Amino acid sequence: EFGLIPELLGRLPVLSSLCQLGEDDLVRVLTEPKNSLVRQFQKFFEMEKAELEFTEGALHEIARIAQKKNTGARGLRSVIEQAMFDIMYELPEQEAGKKYVVTPEIIQGTEQLFPKDDSAAA
């Protein structure tokens, strides 16, 4: 009544054990696949004529939080969405051409994501 049907089970002769992904593994999941989470969020910002950048520290913080929640790679999206919830809804009304930089503090929730002010460099 439960489990895999014998016909399918007979086609799976190899047993594999899985181990928990480490922080570096989760960062690779965030950045390396063709359709990685980082690229998906950058594409979303690009559609709104904005630029999104994640610092290395932010990527590691996302991975650390997902590890603490014991959710593995499946939890990465929820960590990013939680940190960027407000800006994702406000972005369509923001001025085009702005750059947003995600830092560890934004992921931790101690700061909000605002456009990077390039006027300070001038």
PDB file of N, CA and C in Angstrom:
ATOM      1  N   GLU A   1       0.821  -1.194   0.000  1.00  0.00           N
ATOM      2  CA  GLU A   1       0.000   0.000   0.000  1.00  0.00           C
ATOM      3  C   GLU A   1       0.868   1.263   0.000  1.00  0.00           C
ATOM      4  N   PHE A   2       2.033   1.214   0.606  1.00  0.00           N
ATOM      5  CA  PHE A   2       2.928   2.364   0.656  1.00  0.00           C
ATOM      6  C   PHE A   2       4.275   1.981   0.064  1.00  0.00           C
ATOM      7  N   GLY A   3       5.051   2.986  -0.326  1.00  0.00           N
ATOM      8  CA  GLY A   3       6.391   2.729  -0.834  1.00  0.00           C
ATOM      9  C   GLY A   3       6.412   2.694  -2.343  1.00  0.00           C
ATOM     10  N   LEU A   4       7.496   2.175  -2.869  1.00  0.00           N
ATOM     11  CA  LEU A   4       7.680   2.112  -4.315  1.00  0.00           C
ATOM     12  C   LEU A   4       7.126   0.804  -4.860  1.00  0.00           C
ATOM     13  N   ILE A   5       6.583   0.860  -6.069  1.00  0.00           N
ATOM     14  CA  ILE A   5       6.073  -0.360  -6.678  1.00  0.00           C
ATOM     15  C   ILE A   5       7.257  -1.255  -7.045  1.00  0.00           C
ATOM     16  N   PRO A   6       7.085  -2.565  -6.960  1.00  0.00           N
ATOM     17  CA  PRO A   6       8.201  -3.490  -7.212  1.00  0.00           C
ATOM     18  C   PRO A   6       8.823  -3.325  -8.597  1.00  0.00           C
ATOM     19  N   GLU A   7       8.001  -2.993  -9.602  1.00  0.00           N
ATOM     20  CA  GLU A   7       8.527  -2.817 -10.952  1.00  0.00           C
ATOM     21  C   GLU A   7       9.546  -1.684 -11.005  1.00  0.00           C
ATOM     22  N   LEU A   8       9.283  -0.619 -10.295  1.00  0.00           N
ATOM     23  CA  LEU A   8      10.206   0.511 -10.257  1.00  0.00           C
ATOM     24  C   LEU A   8      11.418   0.181  -9.386  1.00  0.00           C
ATOM     25  N   LEU A   9      11.164  -0.416  -8.262  1.00  0.00           N
ATOM     26  CA  LEU A   9      12.236  -0.743  -7.328  1.00  0.00           C
ATOM     27  C   LEU A   9      13.269  -1.674  -7.958  1.00  0.00           C
ATOM     28  N   GLY A  10      12.813  -2.583  -8.813  1.00  0.00           N
ATOM     29  CA  GLY A  10      13.717  -3.500  -9.486  1.00  0.00           C
ATOM     30  C   GLY A  10      14.647  -2.802 -10.458  1.00  0.00           C
ATOM     31  N   ARG A  11      14.288  -1.621 -10.892  1.00  0.00           N
ATOM     32  CA  ARG A  11      15.118  -0.861 -11.831  1.00  0.00           C
ATOM     33  C   ARG A  11      16.118   0.049 -11.110  1.00  0.00           C
ATOM     34  N   LEU A  12      16.084   0.056  -9.810  1.00  0.00           N
ATOM     35  CA  LEU A  12      16.987   0.891  -9.017  1.00  0.00           C
ATOM     36  C   LEU A  12      17.938   0.000  -8.216  1.00  0.00           C
ATOM     37  N   PRO A  13      18.922  -0.581  -8.874  1.00  0.00           N
ATOM     38  CA  PRO A  13      19.792  -1.536  -8.182  1.00  0.00           C
ATOM     39  C   PRO A  13      20.835  -0.896  -7.275  1.00  0.00           C
ATOM     40  N   VAL A  14      21.043   0.389  -7.397  1.00  0.00           N
ATOM     41  CA  VAL A  14      22.110   1.036  -6.651  1.00  0.00           C
ATOM     42  C   VAL A  14      21.526   1.782  -5.454  1.00  0.00           C
ATOM     43  N   LEU A  15      22.122   1.560  -4.312  1.00  0.00           N
ATOM     44  CA  LEU A  15      21.740   2.312  -3.123  1.00  0.00           C
ATOM     45  C   LEU A  15      22.669   3.507  -2.985  1.00  0.00           C
ATOM     46  N   SER A  16      22.109   4.630  -2.674  1.00  0.00           N
ATOM     47  CA  SER A  16      22.917   5.837  -2.476  1.00  0.00           C
ATOM     48  C   SER A  16      22.562   6.450  -1.142  1.00  0.00           C
ATOM     49  N   SER A  17      23.565   6.817  -0.415  1.00  0.00           N
ATOM     50  CA  SER A  17      23.307   7.543   0.822  1.00  0.00           C
ATOM     51  C   SER A  17      23.631   9.009   0.568  1.00  0.00           C
ATOM     52  N   LEU A  18      22.859   9.857   1.158  1.00  0.00           N
ATOM     53  CA  LEU A  18      23.030  11.288   0.968  1.00  0.00           C
ATOM     54  C   LEU A  18      23.509  11.915   2.263  1.00  0.00           C
ATOM     55  N   CYS A  19      24.310  12.937   2.136  1.00  0.00           N
ATOM     56  CA  CYS A  19      24.736  13.657   3.324  1.00  0.00           C
ATOM     57  C   CYS A  19      24.328  15.122   3.166  1.00  0.00           C
ATOM     58  N   GLN A  20      24.249  15.780   4.280  1.00  0.00           N
ATOM     59  CA  GLN A  20      23.813  17.167   4.297  1.00  0.00           C
ATOM     60  C   GLN A  20      24.806  18.048   3.535  1.00  0.00           C
ATOM     61  N   LEU A  21      24.263  19.003   2.787  1.00  0.00           N
ATOM     62  CA  LEU A  21      25.113  19.933   2.047  1.00  0.00           C
ATOM     63  C   LEU A  21      25.753  20.929   3.005  1.00  0.00           C
ATOM     64  N   GLY A  22      27.008  21.238   2.773  1.00  0.00           N
ATOM     65  CA  GLY A  22      27.714  22.227   3.573  1.00  0.00           C
ATOM     66  C   GLY A  22      27.457  23.633   3.053  1.00  0.00           C
ATOM     67  N   GLU A  23      27.971  24.606   3.760  1.00  0.00           N
ATOM     68  CA  GLU A  23      27.769  26.010   3.383  1.00  0.00           C
ATOM     69  C   GLU A  23      28.307  26.301   1.985  1.00  0.00           C
ATOM     70  N   ASP A  24      29.507  25.825   1.695  1.00  0.00           N
ATOM     71  CA  ASP A  24      30.084  26.060   0.367  1.00  0.00           C
ATOM     72  C   ASP A  24      29.265  25.390  -0.726  1.00  0.00           C
ATOM     73  N   ASP A  25      28.723  24.202  -0.438  1.00  0.00           N
ATOM     74  CA  ASP A  25      27.867  23.516  -1.405  1.00  0.00           C
ATOM     75  C   ASP A  25      26.616  24.346  -1.696  1.00  0.00           C
ATOM     76  N   LEU A  26      26.019  24.894  -0.652  1.00  0.00           N
ATOM     77  CA  LEU A  26      24.806  25.697  -0.824  1.00  0.00           C
ATOM     78  C   LEU A  26      25.097  26.976  -1.601  1.00  0.00           C
ATOM     79  N   VAL A  27      26.252  27.581  -1.375  1.00  0.00           N
ATOM     80  CA  VAL A  27      26.632  28.772  -2.146  1.00  0.00           C
ATOM     81  C   VAL A  27      26.767  28.397  -3.619  1.00  0.00           C
ATOM     82  N   ARG A  28      27.332  27.233  -3.890  1.00  0.00           N
ATOM     83  CA  ARG A  28      27.448  26.772  -5.281  1.00  0.00           C
ATOM     84  C   ARG A  28      26.068  26.557  -5.896  1.00  0.00           C
ATOM     85  N   VAL A  29      25.128  26.022  -5.124  1.00  0.00           N
ATOM     86  CA  VAL A  29      23.758  25.831  -5.613  1.00  0.00           C
ATOM     87  C   VAL A  29      23.133  27.188  -5.937  1.00  0.00           C
ATOM     88  N   LEU A  30      23.446  28.187  -5.138  1.00  0.00           N
ATOM     89  CA  LEU A  30      22.915  29.537  -5.369  1.00  0.00           C
ATOM     90  C   LEU A  30      23.452  30.175  -6.642  1.00  0.00           C
ATOM     91  N   THR A  31      24.679  29.858  -7.012  1.00  0.00           N
ATOM     92  CA  THR A  31      25.349  30.633  -8.059  1.00  0.00           C
ATOM     93  C   THR A  31      25.690  29.878  -9.336  1.00  0.00           C
ATOM     94  N   GLU A  32      25.951  28.590  -9.271  1.00  0.00           N
ATOM     95  CA  GLU A  32      26.520  27.893 -10.426  1.00  0.00           C
ATOM     96  C   GLU A  32      25.545  27.367 -11.476  1.00  0.00           C
ATOM     97  N   PRO A  33      24.371  26.860 -11.115  1.00  0.00           N
ATOM     98  CA  PRO A  33      23.493  26.330 -12.168  1.00  0.00           C
ATOM     99  C   PRO A  33      23.098  27.399 -13.186  1.00  0.00           C
ATOM    100  N   LYS A  34      22.787  26.953 -14.383  1.00  0.00           N
ATOM    101  CA  LYS A  34      22.402  27.871 -15.459  1.00  0.00           C
ATOM    102  C   LYS A  34      21.235  28.760 -15.029  1.00  0.00           C
ATOM    103  N   ASN A  35      20.274  28.184 -14.341  1.00  0.00           N
ATOM    104  CA  ASN A  35      19.101  28.930 -13.890  1.00  0.00           C
ATOM    105  C   ASN A  35      19.132  29.058 -12.361  1.00  0.00           C
ATOM    106  N   SER A  36      20.270  29.495 -11.831  1.00  0.00           N
ATOM    107  CA  SER A  36      20.452  29.575 -10.379  1.00  0.00           C
ATOM    108  C   SER A  36      19.505  30.599  -9.760  1.00  0.00           C
ATOM    109  N   LEU A  37      19.320  30.481  -8.456  1.00  0.00           N
ATOM    110  CA  LEU A  37      18.459  31.430  -7.748  1.00  0.00           C
ATOM    111  C   LEU A  37      18.963  32.860  -7.892  1.00  0.00           C
ATOM    112  N   VAL A  38      20.270  33.039  -7.805  1.00  0.00           N
ATOM    113  CA  VAL A  38      20.833  34.384  -7.951  1.00  0.00           C
ATOM    114  C   VAL A  38      20.469  34.946  -9.316  1.00  0.00           C
ATOM    115  N   ARG A  39      20.625  34.155 -10.360  1.00  0.00           N
ATOM    116  CA  ARG A  39      20.297  34.622 -11.718  1.00  0.00           C
ATOM    117  C   ARG A  39      18.801  34.883 -11.873  1.00  0.00           C
ATOM    118  N   GLN A  40      17.970  34.075 -11.235  1.00  0.00           N
ATOM    119  CA  GLN A  40      16.525  34.288 -11.309  1.00  0.00           C
ATOM    120  C   GLN A  40      16.145  35.634 -10.703  1.00  0.00           C
ATOM    121  N   PHE A  41      16.703  35.938  -9.538  1.00  0.00           N
ATOM    122  CA  PHE A  41      16.389  37.215  -8.903  1.00  0.00           C
ATOM    123  C   PHE A  41      16.985  38.378  -9.692  1.00  0.00           C
ATOM    124  N   GLN A  42      18.176  38.200 -10.239  1.00  0.00           N
ATOM    125  CA  GLN A  42      18.769  39.252 -11.065  1.00  0.00           C
ATOM    126  C   GLN A  42      17.919  39.499 -12.303  1.00  0.00           C
ATOM    127  N   LYS A  43      17.370  38.451 -12.889  1.00  0.00           N
ATOM    128  CA  LYS A  43      16.515  38.586 -14.069  1.00  0.00           C
ATOM    129  C   LYS A  43      15.235  39.331 -13.706  1.00  0.00           C
ATOM    130  N   PHE A  44      14.681  39.038 -12.536  1.00  0.00           N
ATOM    131  CA  PHE A  44      13.490  39.747 -12.078  1.00  0.00           C
ATOM    132  C   PHE A  44      13.775  41.247 -11.978  1.00  0.00           C
ATOM    133  N   PHE A  45      14.905  41.606 -11.398  1.00  0.00           N
ATOM    134  CA  PHE A  45      15.275  43.014 -11.277  1.00  0.00           C
ATOM    135  C   PHE A  45      15.536  43.614 -12.656  1.00  0.00           C
ATOM    136  N   GLU A  46      16.159  42.844 -13.529  1.00  0.00           N
ATOM    137  CA  GLU A  46      16.448  43.313 -14.882  1.00  0.00           C
ATOM    138  C   GLU A  46      15.150  43.635 -15.630  1.00  0.00           C
ATOM    139  N   MET A  47      14.121  42.829 -15.421  1.00  0.00           N
ATOM    140  CA  MET A  47      12.827  43.088 -16.067  1.00  0.00           C
ATOM    141  C   MET A  47      12.230  44.408 -15.592  1.00  0.00           C
ATOM    142  N   GLU A  48      12.602  44.829 -14.400  1.00  0.00           N
ATOM    143  CA  GLU A  48      12.128  46.102 -13.849  1.00  0.00           C
ATOM    144  C   GLU A  48      13.150  47.212 -14.080  1.00  0.00           C
ATOM    145  N   LYS A  49      14.107  46.957 -14.967  1.00  0.00           N
ATOM    146  CA  LYS A  49      15.150  47.922 -15.339  1.00  0.00           C
ATOM    147  C   LYS A  49      15.988  48.359 -14.139  1.00  0.00           C
ATOM    148  N   ALA A  50      16.349  47.374 -13.329  1.00  0.00           N
ATOM    149  CA  ALA A  50      17.214  47.604 -12.172  1.00  0.00           C
ATOM    150  C   ALA A  50      18.284  46.517 -12.171  1.00  0.00           C
ATOM    151  N   GLU A  51      19.319  46.728 -11.376  1.00  0.00           N
ATOM    152  CA  GLU A  51      20.419  45.769 -11.287  1.00  0.00           C
ATOM    153  C   GLU A  51      20.502  45.245  -9.862  1.00  0.00           C
ATOM    154  N   LEU A  52      20.728  43.958  -9.734  1.00  0.00           N
ATOM    155  CA  LEU A  52      20.839  43.322  -8.425  1.00  0.00           C
ATOM    156  C   LEU A  52      22.184  42.625  -8.318  1.00  0.00           C
ATOM    157  N   GLU A  53      22.838  42.823  -7.185  1.00  0.00           N
ATOM    158  CA  GLU A  53      24.131  42.188  -6.928  1.00  0.00           C
ATOM    159  C   GLU A  53      24.117  41.610  -5.518  1.00  0.00           C
ATOM    160  N   PHE A  54      24.656  40.416  -5.364  1.00  0.00           N
ATOM    161  CA  PHE A  54      24.804  39.782  -4.059  1.00  0.00           C
ATOM    162  C   PHE A  54      26.278  39.809  -3.688  1.00  0.00           C
ATOM    163  N   THR A  55      26.609  40.272  -2.487  1.00  0.00           N
ATOM    164  CA  THR A  55      27.994  40.194  -2.037  1.00  0.00           C
ATOM    165  C   THR A  55      28.292  38.742  -1.672  1.00  0.00           C
ATOM    166  N   GLU A  56      29.565  38.400  -1.640  1.00  0.00           N
ATOM    167  CA  GLU A  56      29.973  37.048  -1.249  1.00  0.00           C
ATOM    168  C   GLU A  56      29.481  36.744   0.164  1.00  0.00           C
ATOM    169  N   GLY A  57      29.555  37.742   1.038  1.00  0.00           N
ATOM    170  CA  GLY A  57      29.082  37.565   2.411  1.00  0.00           C
ATOM    171  C   GLY A  57      27.595  37.275   2.479  1.00  0.00           C
ATOM    172  N   ALA A  58      26.820  37.920   1.611  1.00  0.00           N
ATOM    173  CA  ALA A  58      25.374  37.688   1.578  1.00  0.00           C
ATOM    174  C   ALA A  58      25.067  36.258   1.148  1.00  0.00           C
ATOM    175  N   LEU A  59      25.798  35.772   0.155  1.00  0.00           N
ATOM    176  CA  LEU A  59      25.582  34.397  -0.311  1.00  0.00           C
ATOM    177  C   LEU A  59      25.872  33.397   0.802  1.00  0.00           C
ATOM    178  N   HIS A  60      26.938  33.636   1.553  1.00  0.00           N
ATOM    179  CA  HIS A  60      27.277  32.737   2.659  1.00  0.00           C
ATOM    180  C   HIS A  60      26.255  32.852   3.788  1.00  0.00           C
ATOM    181  N   GLU A  61      25.725  34.038   4.014  1.00  0.00           N
ATOM    182  CA  GLU A  61      24.701  34.210   5.053  1.00  0.00           C
ATOM    183  C   GLU A  61      23.417  33.477   4.670  1.00  0.00           C
ATOM    184  N   ILE A  62      23.033  33.541   3.404  1.00  0.00           N
ATOM    185  CA  ILE A  62      21.859  32.801   2.922  1.00  0.00           C
ATOM    186  C   ILE A  62      22.069  31.311   3.174  1.00  0.00           C
ATOM    187  N   ALA A  63      23.248  30.814   2.827  1.00  0.00           N
ATOM    188  CA  ALA A  63      23.563  29.396   3.020  1.00  0.00           C
ATOM    189  C   ALA A  63      23.544  29.022   4.503  1.00  0.00           C
ATOM    190  N   ARG A  64      24.094  29.884   5.359  1.00  0.00           N
ATOM    191  CA  ARG A  64      24.123  29.605   6.808  1.00  0.00           C
ATOM    192  C   ARG A  64      22.707  29.509   7.373  1.00  0.00           C
ATOM    193  N   ILE A  65      21.846  30.438   6.969  1.00  0.00           N
ATOM    194  CA  ILE A  65      20.470  30.432   7.478  1.00  0.00           C
ATOM    195  C   ILE A  65      19.738  29.173   7.015  1.00  0.00           C
ATOM    196  N   ALA A  66      19.910  28.804   5.749  1.00  0.00           N
ATOM    197  CA  ALA A  66      19.273  27.583   5.241  1.00  0.00           C
ATOM    198  C   ALA A  66      19.791  26.359   5.991  1.00  0.00           C
ATOM    199  N   GLN A  67      21.076  26.353   6.315  1.00  0.00           N
ATOM    200  CA  GLN A  67      21.656  25.241   7.082  1.00  0.00           C
ATOM    201  C   GLN A  67      21.060  25.173   8.486  1.00  0.00           C
ATOM    202  N   LYS A  68      20.922  26.332   9.138  1.00  0.00           N
ATOM    203  CA  LYS A  68      20.350  26.365  10.490  1.00  0.00           C
ATOM    204  C   LYS A  68      18.922  25.840  10.493  1.00  0.00           C
ATOM    205  N   LYS A  69      18.173  26.166   9.435  1.00  0.00           N
ATOM    206  CA  LYS A  69      16.786  25.705   9.330  1.00  0.00           C
ATOM    207  C   LYS A  69      16.712  24.233   8.938  1.00  0.00           C
ATOM    208  N   ASN A  70      17.865  23.670   8.590  1.00  0.00           N
ATOM    209  CA  ASN A  70      17.951  22.267   8.194  1.00  0.00           C
ATOM    210  C   ASN A  70      17.053  21.967   6.988  1.00  0.00           C
ATOM    211  N   THR A  71      17.004  22.919   6.051  1.00  0.00           N
ATOM    212  CA  THR A  71      16.160  22.765   4.867  1.00  0.00           C
ATOM    213  C   THR A  71      16.969  22.458   3.620  1.00  0.00           C
ATOM    214  N   GLY A  72      18.284  22.502   3.720  1.00  0.00           N
ATOM    215  CA  GLY A  72      19.131  22.228   2.566  1.00  0.00           C
ATOM    216  C   GLY A  72      18.900  23.225   1.447  1.00  0.00           C
ATOM    217  N   ALA A  73      19.127  22.774   0.224  1.00  0.00           N
ATOM    218  CA  ALA A  73      19.016  23.665  -0.933  1.00  0.00           C
ATOM    219  C   ALA A  73      17.584  24.129  -1.161  1.00  0.00           C
ATOM    220  N   ARG A  74      16.611  23.338  -0.720  1.00  0.00           N
ATOM    221  CA  ARG A  74      15.211  23.730  -0.910  1.00  0.00           C
ATOM    222  C   ARG A  74      14.856  24.990  -0.135  1.00  0.00           C
ATOM    223  N   GLY A  75      15.575  25.272   0.924  1.00  0.00           N
ATOM    224  CA  GLY A  75      15.264  26.429   1.748  1.00  0.00           C
ATOM    225  C   GLY A  75      15.917  27.721   1.294  1.00  0.00           C
ATOM    226  N   LEU A  76      16.782  27.659   0.298  1.00  0.00           N
ATOM    227  CA  LEU A  76      17.507  28.857  -0.137  1.00  0.00           C
ATOM    228  C   LEU A  76      16.563  29.934  -0.659  1.00  0.00           C
ATOM    229  N   ARG A  77      15.592  29.544  -1.480  1.00  0.00           N
ATOM    230  CA  ARG A  77      14.662  30.520  -2.056  1.00  0.00           C
ATOM    231  C   ARG A  77      13.890  31.262  -0.963  1.00  0.00           C
ATOM    232  N   SER A  78      13.420  30.545   0.031  1.00  0.00           N
ATOM    233  CA  SER A  78      12.630  31.205   1.073  1.00  0.00           C
ATOM    234  C   SER A  78      13.472  32.197   1.870  1.00  0.00           C
ATOM    235  N   VAL A  79      14.749  31.893   2.074  1.00  0.00           N
ATOM    236  CA  VAL A  79      15.633  32.825   2.789  1.00  0.00           C
ATOM    237  C   VAL A  79      15.783  34.116   1.987  1.00  0.00           C
ATOM    238  N   ILE A  80      16.014  33.995   0.682  1.00  0.00           N
ATOM    239  CA  ILE A  80      16.167  35.184  -0.166  1.00  0.00           C
ATOM    240  C   ILE A  80      14.862  35.962  -0.226  1.00  0.00           C
ATOM    241  N   GLU A  81      13.753  35.265  -0.433  1.00  0.00           N
ATOM    242  CA  GLU A  81      12.459  35.947  -0.547  1.00  0.00           C
ATOM    243  C   GLU A  81      12.101  36.688   0.728  1.00  0.00           C
ATOM    244  N   GLN A  82      12.402  36.098   1.865  1.00  0.00           N
ATOM    245  CA  GLN A  82      12.102  36.757   3.131  1.00  0.00           C
ATOM    246  C   GLN A  82      12.883  38.066   3.259  1.00  0.00           C
ATOM    247  N   ALA A  83      14.138  38.047   2.856  1.00  0.00           N
ATOM    248  CA  ALA A  83      14.978  39.242   2.964  1.00  0.00           C
ATOM    249  C   ALA A  83      14.566  40.315   1.962  1.00  0.00           C
ATOM    250  N   MET A  84      14.027  39.911   0.821  1.00  0.00           N
ATOM    251  CA  MET A  84      13.743  40.860  -0.254  1.00  0.00           C
ATOM    252  C   MET A  84      12.249  41.090  -0.456  1.00  0.00           C
ATOM    253  N   PHE A  85      11.446  40.657   0.485  1.00  0.00           N
ATOM    254  CA  PHE A  85       9.993  40.713   0.349  1.00  0.00           C
ATOM    255  C   PHE A  85       9.493  42.109  -0.021  1.00  0.00           C
ATOM    256  N   ASP A  86       9.878  43.108   0.755  1.00  0.00           N
ATOM    257  CA  ASP A  86       9.360  44.465   0.537  1.00  0.00           C
ATOM    258  C   ASP A  86       9.791  45.038  -0.804  1.00  0.00           C
ATOM    259  N   ILE A  87      11.068  44.946  -1.123  1.00  0.00           N
ATOM    260  CA  ILE A  87      11.568  45.577  -2.349  1.00  0.00           C
ATOM    261  C   ILE A  87      10.996  44.908  -3.590  1.00  0.00           C
ATOM    262  N   MET A  88      10.695  43.631  -3.532  1.00  0.00           N
ATOM    263  CA  MET A  88      10.152  42.953  -4.705  1.00  0.00           C
ATOM    264  C   MET A  88       8.786  43.510  -5.084  1.00  0.00           C
ATOM    265  N   TYR A  89       8.027  43.985  -4.109  1.00  0.00           N
ATOM    266  CA  TYR A  89       6.723  44.573  -4.408  1.00  0.00           C
ATOM    267  C   TYR A  89       6.828  46.060  -4.726  1.00  0.00           C
ATOM    268  N   GLU A  90       7.847  46.713  -4.206  1.00  0.00           N
ATOM    269  CA  GLU A  90       8.024  48.145  -4.450  1.00  0.00           C
ATOM    270  C   GLU A  90       8.819  48.433  -5.718  1.00  0.00           C
ATOM    271  N   LEU A  91       9.555  47.460  -6.202  1.00  0.00           N
ATOM    272  CA  LEU A  91      10.458  47.660  -7.333  1.00  0.00           C
ATOM    273  C   LEU A  91       9.780  48.229  -8.579  1.00  0.00           C
ATOM    274  N   PRO A  92       8.593  47.758  -8.971  1.00  0.00           N
ATOM    275  CA  PRO A  92       7.982  48.319 -10.182  1.00  0.00           C
ATOM    276  C   PRO A  92       7.724  49.828 -10.098  1.00  0.00           C
ATOM    277  N   GLU A  93       7.600  50.360  -8.902  1.00  0.00           N
ATOM    278  CA  GLU A  93       7.339  51.786  -8.747  1.00  0.00           C
ATOM    279  C   GLU A  93       8.615  52.602  -8.550  1.00  0.00           C
ATOM    280  N   GLN A  94       9.754  51.927  -8.458  1.00  0.00           N
ATOM    281  CA  GLN A  94      11.023  52.621  -8.247  1.00  0.00           C
ATOM    282  C   GLN A  94      11.560  53.179  -9.562  1.00  0.00           C
ATOM    283  N   GLU A  95      12.423  54.162  -9.447  1.00  0.00           N
ATOM    284  CA  GLU A  95      13.070  54.757 -10.610  1.00  0.00           C
ATOM    285  C   GLU A  95      13.939  53.712 -11.312  1.00  0.00           C
ATOM    286  N   ALA A  96      13.882  53.689 -12.638  1.00  0.00           N
ATOM    287  CA  ALA A  96      14.648  52.716 -13.424  1.00  0.00           C
ATOM    288  C   ALA A  96      16.145  53.015 -13.348  1.00  0.00           C
ATOM    289  N   GLY A  97      16.945  51.990 -13.587  1.00  0.00           N
ATOM    290  CA  GLY A  97      18.390  52.155 -13.668  1.00  0.00           C
ATOM    291  C   GLY A  97      19.120  52.125 -12.344  1.00  0.00           C
ATOM    292  N   LYS A  98      18.452  51.778 -11.268  1.00  0.00           N
ATOM    293  CA  LYS A  98      19.100  51.740  -9.954  1.00  0.00           C
ATOM    294  C   LYS A  98      19.786  50.396  -9.730  1.00  0.00           C
ATOM    295  N   LYS A  99      20.807  50.414  -8.895  1.00  0.00           N
ATOM    296  CA  LYS A  99      21.542  49.202  -8.541  1.00  0.00           C
ATOM    297  C   LYS A  99      21.281  48.883  -7.074  1.00  0.00           C
ATOM    298  N   TYR A 100      20.974  47.630  -6.802  1.00  0.00           N
ATOM    299  CA  TYR A 100      20.708  47.161  -5.452  1.00  0.00           C
ATOM    300  C   TYR A 100      21.776  46.134  -5.091  1.00  0.00           C
ATOM    301  N   VAL A 101      22.383  46.295  -3.919  1.00  0.00           N
ATOM    302  CA  VAL A 101      23.432  45.376  -3.468  1.00  0.00           C
ATOM    303  C   VAL A 101      22.953  44.688  -2.191  1.00  0.00           C
ATOM    304  N   VAL A 102      22.874  43.367  -2.242  1.00  0.00           N
ATOM    305  CA  VAL A 102      22.428  42.577  -1.094  1.00  0.00           C
ATOM    306  C   VAL A 102      23.645  42.231  -0.245  1.00  0.00           C
ATOM    307  N   THR A 103      23.578  42.591   1.031  1.00  0.00           N
ATOM    308  CA  THR A 103      24.664  42.359   1.985  1.00  0.00           C
ATOM    309  C   THR A 103      24.206  41.363   3.060  1.00  0.00           C
ATOM    310  N   PRO A 104      25.118  40.860   3.871  1.00  0.00           N
ATOM    311  CA  PRO A 104      24.711  39.955   4.955  1.00  0.00           C
ATOM    312  C   PRO A 104      23.693  40.593   5.906  1.00  0.00           C
ATOM    313  N   GLU A 105      23.825  41.891   6.139  1.00  0.00           N
ATOM    314  CA  GLU A 105      22.904  42.580   7.053  1.00  0.00           C
ATOM    315  C   GLU A 105      21.478  42.585   6.501  1.00  0.00           C
ATOM    316  N   ILE A 106      21.348  42.681   5.202  1.00  0.00           N
ATOM    317  CA  ILE A 106      20.019  42.637   4.581  1.00  0.00           C
ATOM    318  C   ILE A 106      19.430  41.243   4.742  1.00  0.00           C
ATOM    319  N   ILE A 107      20.228  40.228   4.552  1.00  0.00           N
ATOM    320  CA  ILE A 107      19.762  38.849   4.707  1.00  0.00           C
ATOM    321  C   ILE A 107      19.373  38.582   6.159  1.00  0.00           C
ATOM    322  N   GLN A 108      20.118  39.137   7.115  1.00  0.00           N
ATOM    323  CA  GLN A 108      19.824  38.957   8.540  1.00  0.00           C
ATOM    324  C   GLN A 108      18.598  39.750   8.970  1.00  0.00           C
ATOM    325  N   GLY A 109      18.186  40.715   8.167  1.00  0.00           N
ATOM    326  CA  GLY A 109      17.022  41.525   8.495  1.00  0.00           C
ATOM    327  C   GLY A 109      17.339  42.748   9.328  1.00  0.00           C
ATOM    328  N   THR A 110      18.623  43.075   9.509  1.00  0.00           N
ATOM    329  CA  THR A 110      18.988  44.248  10.302  1.00  0.00           C
ATOM    330  C   THR A 110      19.041  45.516   9.451  1.00  0.00           C
ATOM    331  N   GLU A 111      19.052  45.352   8.130  1.00  0.00           N
ATOM    332  CA  GLU A 111      19.003  46.493   7.207  1.00  0.00           C
ATOM    333  C   GLU A 111      18.013  46.175   6.103  1.00  0.00           C
ATOM    334  N   GLN A 112      17.526  47.228   5.437  1.00  0.00           N
ATOM    335  CA  GLN A 112      16.636  47.037   4.299  1.00  0.00           C
ATOM    336  C   GLN A 112      17.400  47.262   3.008  1.00  0.00           C
ATOM    337  N   LEU A 113      16.880  46.699   1.941  1.00  0.00           N
ATOM    338  CA  LEU A 113      17.512  46.827   0.636  1.00  0.00           C
ATOM    339  C   LEU A 113      17.058  48.118  -0.026  1.00  0.00           C
ATOM    340  N   PHE A 114      18.005  49.018  -0.239  1.00  0.00           N
ATOM    341  CA  PHE A 114      17.750  50.281  -0.917  1.00  0.00           C
ATOM    342  C   PHE A 114      18.673  50.376  -2.116  1.00  0.00           C
ATOM    343  N   PRO A 115      18.309  51.217  -3.095  1.00  0.00           N
ATOM    344  CA  PRO A 115      19.225  51.390  -4.227  1.00  0.00           C
ATOM    345  C   PRO A 115      20.549  51.970  -3.759  1.00  0.00           C
ATOM    346  N   LYS A 116      21.621  51.526  -4.394  1.00  0.00           N
ATOM    347  CA  LYS A 116      22.947  52.043  -4.077  1.00  0.00           C
ATOM    348  C   LYS A 116      23.020  53.480  -4.569  1.00  0.00           C
ATOM    349  N   ASP A 117      23.492  54.375  -3.715  1.00  0.00           N
ATOM    350  CA  ASP A 117      23.582  55.792  -4.059  1.00  0.00           C
ATOM    351  C   ASP A 117      24.929  56.062  -4.708  1.00  0.00           C
ATOM    352  N   ASP A 118      24.922  56.282  -6.020  1.00  0.00           N
ATOM    353  CA  ASP A 118      26.161  56.557  -6.744  1.00  0.00           C
ATOM    354  C   ASP A 118      26.601  58.007  -6.611  1.00  0.00           C
ATOM    355  N   SER A 119      25.735  58.873  -6.093  1.00  0.00           N
ATOM    356  CA  SER A 119      26.090  60.286  -5.981  1.00  0.00           C
ATOM    357  C   SER A 119      27.172  60.514  -4.929  1.00  0.00           C
ATOM    358  N   ALA A 120      27.312  59.599  -3.968  1.00  0.00           N
ATOM    359  CA  ALA A 120      28.326  59.754  -2.922  1.00  0.00           C
ATOM    360  C   ALA A 120      29.731  59.608  -3.505  1.00  0.00           C
ATOM    361  N   ALA A 121      29.856  58.878  -4.590  1.00  0.00           N
ATOM    362  CA  ALA A 121      31.166  58.676  -5.206  1.00  0.00           C
ATOM    363  C   ALA A 121      31.602  59.891  -6.011  1.00  0.00           C
ATOM    364  N   ALA A 122      30.663  60.728  -6.402  1.00  0.00           N
ATOM    365  CA  ALA A 122      30.984  61.886  -7.241  1.00  0.00           C
ATOM    366  C   ALA A 122      31.555  63.029  -6.444  1.00  0.00           C
TER     367      ALA A 122
END
